[in-house]
C-alpha atoms as a PDB file:
ATOM      1  CA  MET A   1       5.790 -32.815  -9.673  1.00  0.00           C
ATOM      2  CA  GLN A   2       2.194 -31.985 -10.545  1.00  0.00           C
ATOM      3  CA  VAL A   3       1.243 -28.294 -10.848  1.00  0.00           C
ATOM      4  CA  ILE A   4      -2.371 -27.125 -10.920  1.00  0.00           C
ATOM      5  CA  ARG A   5      -3.218 -23.812 -12.588  1.00  0.00           C
ATOM      6  CA  THR A   6      -7.013 -23.455 -12.604  1.00  0.00           C
ATOM      7  CA  PRO A   7      -9.903 -23.847 -10.155  1.00  0.00           C
ATOM      8  CA  GLU A   8     -11.252 -26.693 -12.322  1.00  0.00           C
ATOM      9  CA  GLU A   9      -8.001 -28.632 -11.913  1.00  0.00           C
ATOM     10  CA  SER A  10      -8.014 -27.960  -8.156  1.00  0.00           C
ATOM     11  CA  ARG A  11     -11.470 -29.531  -7.827  1.00  0.00           C
ATOM     12  CA  THR A  12     -10.559 -32.704  -9.703  1.00  0.00           C
ATOM     13  CA  ILE A  13      -7.202 -33.441  -8.042  1.00  0.00           C
ATOM     14  CA  ALA A  14      -6.783 -34.663  -4.461  1.00  0.00           C
ATOM     15  CA  HIS A  15      -4.776 -32.242  -2.324  1.00  0.00           C
ATOM     16  CA  VAL A  16      -1.913 -34.399  -1.128  1.00  0.00           C
ATOM     17  CA  PRO A  17       1.617 -33.508   0.006  1.00  0.00           C
ATOM     18  CA  GLY A  18       3.812 -32.682  -2.982  1.00  0.00           C
ATOM     19  CA  LEU A  19       1.075 -31.100  -5.088  1.00  0.00           C
ATOM     20  CA  MET A  20       1.941 -27.595  -6.342  1.00  0.00           C
ATOM     21  CA  PHE A  21      -0.041 -24.677  -7.792  1.00  0.00           C
ATOM     22  CA  LYS A  22       0.909 -21.698  -9.945  1.00  0.00           C
ATOM     23  CA  CYS A  23      -0.200 -18.248  -8.749  1.00  0.00           C
ATOM     24  CA  GLY A  24      -2.021 -16.238 -11.412  1.00  0.00           C
ATOM     25  CA  ASP A  25      -0.665 -12.931 -10.036  1.00  0.00           C
ATOM     26  CA  CYS A  26       3.000 -13.447  -9.157  1.00  0.00           C
ATOM     27  CA  GLY A  27       3.588 -16.544 -11.316  1.00  0.00           C
ATOM     28  CA  GLN A  28       5.365 -18.455  -8.545  1.00  0.00           C
ATOM     29  CA  VAL A  29       4.872 -22.178  -8.146  1.00  0.00           C
ATOM     30  CA  LYS A  30       4.027 -22.930  -4.504  1.00  0.00           C
ATOM     31  CA  PRO A  31       3.021 -26.051  -2.563  1.00  0.00           C
ATOM     32  CA  VAL A  32      -0.642 -26.730  -1.929  1.00  0.00           C
ATOM     33  CA  GLN A  33      -1.333 -26.820   1.796  1.00  0.00           C
ATOM     34  CA  VAL A  34      -3.094 -29.931   3.049  1.00  0.00           C
ATOM     35  CA  ASN A  35      -3.963 -28.710   6.575  1.00  0.00           C
ATOM     36  CA  GLY A  36      -5.713 -25.446   7.483  1.00  0.00           C
ATOM     37  CA  GLY A  37      -6.451 -24.101   4.000  1.00  0.00           C
ATOM     38  CA  THR A  38      -5.160 -24.673   0.514  1.00  0.00           C
ATOM     39  CA  GLY A  39      -2.601 -21.871   0.141  1.00  0.00           C
ATOM     40  CA  TYR A  40      -4.566 -20.233  -2.656  1.00  0.00           C
ATOM     41  CA  ALA A  41      -7.817 -18.429  -3.434  1.00  0.00           C
ATOM     42  CA  THR A  42      -9.945 -19.026  -6.513  1.00  0.00           C
ATOM     43  CA  GLY A  43     -12.106 -16.924  -8.755  1.00  0.00           C
ATOM     44  CA  PRO A  44     -11.052 -13.269  -8.561  1.00  0.00           C
ATOM     45  CA  THR A  45     -13.256 -11.351 -10.985  1.00  0.00           C
ATOM     46  CA  ASP A  46     -10.331 -10.115 -13.097  1.00  0.00           C
ATOM     47  CA  LYS A  47      -8.795 -13.622 -13.356  1.00  0.00           C
ATOM     48  CA  PRO A  48     -11.659 -16.134 -13.056  1.00  0.00           C
ATOM     49  CA  ASN A  49      -9.546 -19.084 -14.226  1.00  0.00           C
ATOM     50  CA  ALA A  50      -6.550 -18.471 -11.971  1.00  0.00           C
ATOM     51  CA  LEU A  51      -5.410 -19.518  -8.516  1.00  0.00           C
ATOM     52  CA  ILE A  52      -4.053 -16.643  -6.382  1.00  0.00           C
ATOM     53  CA  CYS A  53      -1.594 -17.330  -3.515  1.00  0.00           C
ATOM     54  CA  TYR A  54      -2.352 -15.980  -0.034  1.00  0.00           C
ATOM     55  CA  ASP A  55       0.503 -13.432  -0.272  1.00  0.00           C
ATOM     56  CA  CYS A  56      -0.998 -11.965  -3.451  1.00  0.00           C
ATOM     57  CA  CYS A  57      -4.424 -11.975  -1.759  1.00  0.00           C
ATOM     58  CA  ALA A  58      -2.947  -9.674   0.904  1.00  0.00           C
ATOM     59  CA  ILE A  59      -1.609  -7.326  -1.785  1.00  0.00           C
ATOM     60  CA  ARG A  60      -5.021  -7.235  -3.466  1.00  0.00           C
ATOM     61  CA  GLU A  61      -6.875  -6.649  -0.176  1.00  0.00           C
ATOM     62  CA  ARG A  62      -4.502  -3.855   0.864  1.00  0.00           C
ATOM     63  CA  ALA A  63      -5.058  -2.084  -2.492  1.00  0.00           C
ATOM     64  CA  ASP A  64      -8.819  -2.619  -2.256  1.00  0.00           C
ATOM     65  CA  MET A  65      -8.920  -1.152   1.269  1.00  0.00           C
ATOM     66  CA  THR A  66      -6.974   1.916   0.166  1.00  0.00           C
ATOM     67  CA  ALA A  67      -9.166   2.462  -2.899  1.00  0.00           C
ATOM     68  CA  LYS A  68     -12.613   1.845  -1.357  1.00  0.00           C
ATOM     69  CA  GLY A  69     -12.213   2.814   2.302  1.00  0.00           C
ATOM     70  CA  VAL A  70     -14.222  -0.187   3.517  1.00  0.00           C
ATOM     71  CA  ALA A  71     -13.370  -3.833   4.171  1.00  0.00           C
ATOM     72  CA  VAL A  72     -14.639  -6.972   5.839  1.00  0.00           C
ATOM     73  CA  LEU A  73     -11.797  -8.474   7.872  1.00  0.00           C
ATOM     74  CA  TYR A  74     -11.421 -10.613  11.007  1.00  0.00           C
ATOM     75  CA  PHE A  75     -10.980  -9.489  14.630  1.00  0.00           C
ATOM     76  CA  THR A  76      -8.662 -12.048  16.237  1.00  0.00           C
ATOM     77  CA  ARG A  77      -6.007 -12.579  18.865  1.00  0.00           C
ATOM     78  CA  ASP A  78      -2.513 -13.454  17.607  1.00  0.00           C
ATOM     79  CA  ASP A  79      -0.106 -15.981  19.141  1.00  0.00           C
ATOM     80  CA  SER A  80       1.203 -13.414  21.645  1.00  0.00           C
ATOM     81  CA  GLY A  81      -2.320 -12.522  22.837  1.00  0.00           C
ATOM     82  CA  CYS A  82      -2.515  -9.135  21.067  1.00  0.00           C
ATOM     83  CA  ARG A  83      -5.713  -8.250  19.217  1.00  0.00           C
ATOM     84  CA  THR A  84      -5.387  -7.887  15.442  1.00  0.00           C
ATOM     85  CA  ILE A  85      -7.512  -7.173  12.396  1.00  0.00           C
ATOM     86  CA  GLY A  86      -6.610  -9.222   9.344  1.00  0.00           C
ATOM     87  CA  ASN A  87      -7.649 -11.199   6.313  1.00  0.00           C
ATOM     88  CA  TRP A  88      -8.816 -14.817   6.425  1.00  0.00           C
ATOM     89  CA  PRO A  89      -5.467 -16.531   5.699  1.00  0.00           C
ATOM     90  CA  GLY A  90      -3.620 -14.191   8.091  1.00  0.00           C
ATOM     91  CA  THR A  91      -1.250 -12.773   5.465  1.00  0.00           C
ATOM     92  CA  LEU A  92      -2.472  -9.210   6.116  1.00  0.00           C
ATOM     93  CA  ARG A  93      -2.619  -8.020   9.740  1.00  0.00           C
ATOM     94  CA  PHE A  94      -3.052  -4.723  11.542  1.00  0.00           C
ATOM     95  CA  PRO A  95      -2.541  -4.338  15.304  1.00  0.00           C
ATOM     96  CA  VAL A  96      -5.673  -3.055  17.039  1.00  0.00           C
ATOM     97  CA  THR A  97      -4.870   0.216  18.799  1.00  0.00           C
ATOM     98  CA  THR A  98      -8.054   0.388  20.899  1.00  0.00           C
ATOM     99  CA  PHE A  99     -11.223  -1.628  21.333  1.00  0.00           C
ATOM    100  CA  ARG A 100     -14.121  -1.777  23.752  1.00  0.00           C
ATOM    101  CA  SER A 101     -17.178  -3.909  24.235  1.00  0.00           C
ATOM    102  CA  PHE A 102     -20.647  -2.431  23.972  1.00  0.00           C
ATOM    103  CA  ARG A 103     -24.203  -3.581  24.560  1.00  0.00           C
ATOM    104  CA  HIS A 104     -26.066  -4.906  21.561  1.00  0.00           C
ATOM    105  CA  PRO A 105     -29.694  -6.064  21.644  1.00  0.00           C
ATOM    106  CA  PHE A 106     -29.048  -9.256  19.654  1.00  0.00           C
ATOM    107  CA  SER A 107     -25.685 -10.384  21.006  1.00  0.00           C
ATOM    108  CA  SER A 108     -23.825 -10.721  24.266  1.00  0.00           C
ATOM    109  CA  GLU A 109     -20.514 -10.060  22.469  1.00  0.00           C
ATOM    110  CA  ALA A 110     -20.044  -6.816  20.557  1.00  0.00           C
ATOM    111  CA  TYR A 111     -16.894  -4.746  20.017  1.00  0.00           C
ATOM    112  CA  LEU A 112     -15.927  -1.401  18.531  1.00  0.00           C
ATOM    113  CA  GLY A 113     -12.290  -0.627  17.837  1.00  0.00           C
ATOM    114  CA  GLU A 114      -9.655   1.200  15.850  1.00  0.00           C
ATOM    115  CA  PHE A 115      -6.492   0.399  13.929  1.00  0.00           C
ATOM    116  CA  ILE A 116      -4.157   2.148  11.515  1.00  0.00           C
ATOM    117  CA  GLY A 117      -4.889   0.941   7.990  1.00  0.00           C
ATOM    118  CA  PRO A 118      -2.635   0.388   4.977  1.00  0.00           C
ATOM    119  CA  ASP A 119      -3.047   4.005   3.877  1.00  0.00           C
ATOM    120  CA  GLY A 120      -1.881   5.485   7.197  1.00  0.00           C
ATOM    121  CA  ALA A 121      -5.417   6.541   8.088  1.00  0.00           C
ATOM    122  CA  LEU A 122      -7.339   5.682  11.219  1.00  0.00           C
ATOM    123  CA  TRP A 123      -9.808   2.864  10.573  1.00  0.00           C
ATOM    124  CA  ARG A 124     -12.716   1.800  12.782  1.00  0.00           C
ATOM    125  CA  PHE A 125     -14.301  -1.620  13.030  1.00  0.00           C
ATOM    126  CA  ARG A 126     -17.400  -3.266  14.481  1.00  0.00           C
ATOM    127  CA  ASN A 127     -17.648  -6.942  15.461  1.00  0.00           C
ATOM    128  CA  ILE A 128     -21.005  -8.283  16.667  1.00  0.00           C
ATOM    129  CA  GLY A 129     -21.845 -11.811  17.729  1.00  0.00           C
ATOM    130  CA  ASP A 130     -19.920 -14.976  18.401  1.00  0.00           C
ATOM    131  CA  ASN A 131     -17.793 -14.667  15.267  1.00  0.00           C
ATOM    132  CA  GLN A 132     -14.662 -12.829  14.148  1.00  0.00           C
ATOM    133  CA  ILE A 133     -16.124 -10.851  11.240  1.00  0.00           C
ATOM    134  CA  ALA A 134     -15.233  -7.160  11.520  1.00  0.00           C
ATOM    135  CA  HIS A 135     -16.854  -4.533   9.328  1.00  0.00           C
ATOM    136  CA  CYS A 136     -14.168  -1.880   8.843  1.00  0.00           C
ATOM    137  CA  ARG A 137     -14.329   1.677   7.554  1.00  0.00           C
ATOM    138  CA  ARG A 138     -11.748   4.433   7.133  1.00  0.00           C
ATOM    139  CA  ALA A 139     -12.400   7.275   9.593  1.00  0.00           C
ATOM    140  CA  ALA A 140     -13.074  10.534   7.762  1.00  0.00           C
ATOM    141  CA  GLY A 141     -10.174  13.003   7.770  1.00  0.00           C
ATOM    142  CA  ARG A 142      -8.017  11.136  10.294  1.00  0.00           C
ATOM    143  CA  THR A 143      -4.478  10.311   9.184  1.00  0.00           C
ATOM    144  CA  VAL A 144      -1.226   9.674  10.984  1.00  0.00           C
ATOM    145  CA  ALA A 145       2.450   9.875   9.972  1.00  0.00           C
ATOM    146  CA  PRO A 146       3.170   7.761   6.863  1.00  0.00           C
ATOM    147  CA  GLN A 147       4.700   4.362   7.631  1.00  0.00           C
ATOM    148  CA  THR A 148       4.018   0.761   6.795  1.00  0.00           C
ATOM    149  CA  TYR A 149       1.284  -0.341   9.154  1.00  0.00           C
ATOM    150  CA  ALA A 150       0.277  -3.753   7.895  1.00  0.00           C
ATOM    151  CA  THR A 151       2.372  -6.776   8.543  1.00  0.00           C
ATOM    152  CA  THR A 152       2.488  -9.417   5.850  1.00  0.00           C
ATOM    153  CA  ILE A 153       3.560 -12.855   6.912  1.00  0.00           C
END
């Protein structure tokens, strides 16, 4: 069993079934995905020579959202047809509570919406254009009862 540990190793080795990687955050050895992503992220600023698994990416993004109050996520529809806001690998998701389309001078598709973020606060997002990128911001002074709002897959 071959285990890669650094971004340099990941670039020099073919991603084939059976290849494993070691997460720089949790230390677990996990399989490298060969379809639809790799299963890891590379190059976080605090660990530039580490590979970080998608589950640990969700933990980092949740903490970053809570600390900064802003995030760039993705406005998508899940398998059941419900609208969600989440990270790129889909390991961090928030159900969209409301959204509406609006007119934008440069795009035929534009949406504004809300969701409850990881800190229990109301968050608002804006998605413009034929993409899924959602610019999100914590709404000032709006909180709800404390619970766990994000789902991690």
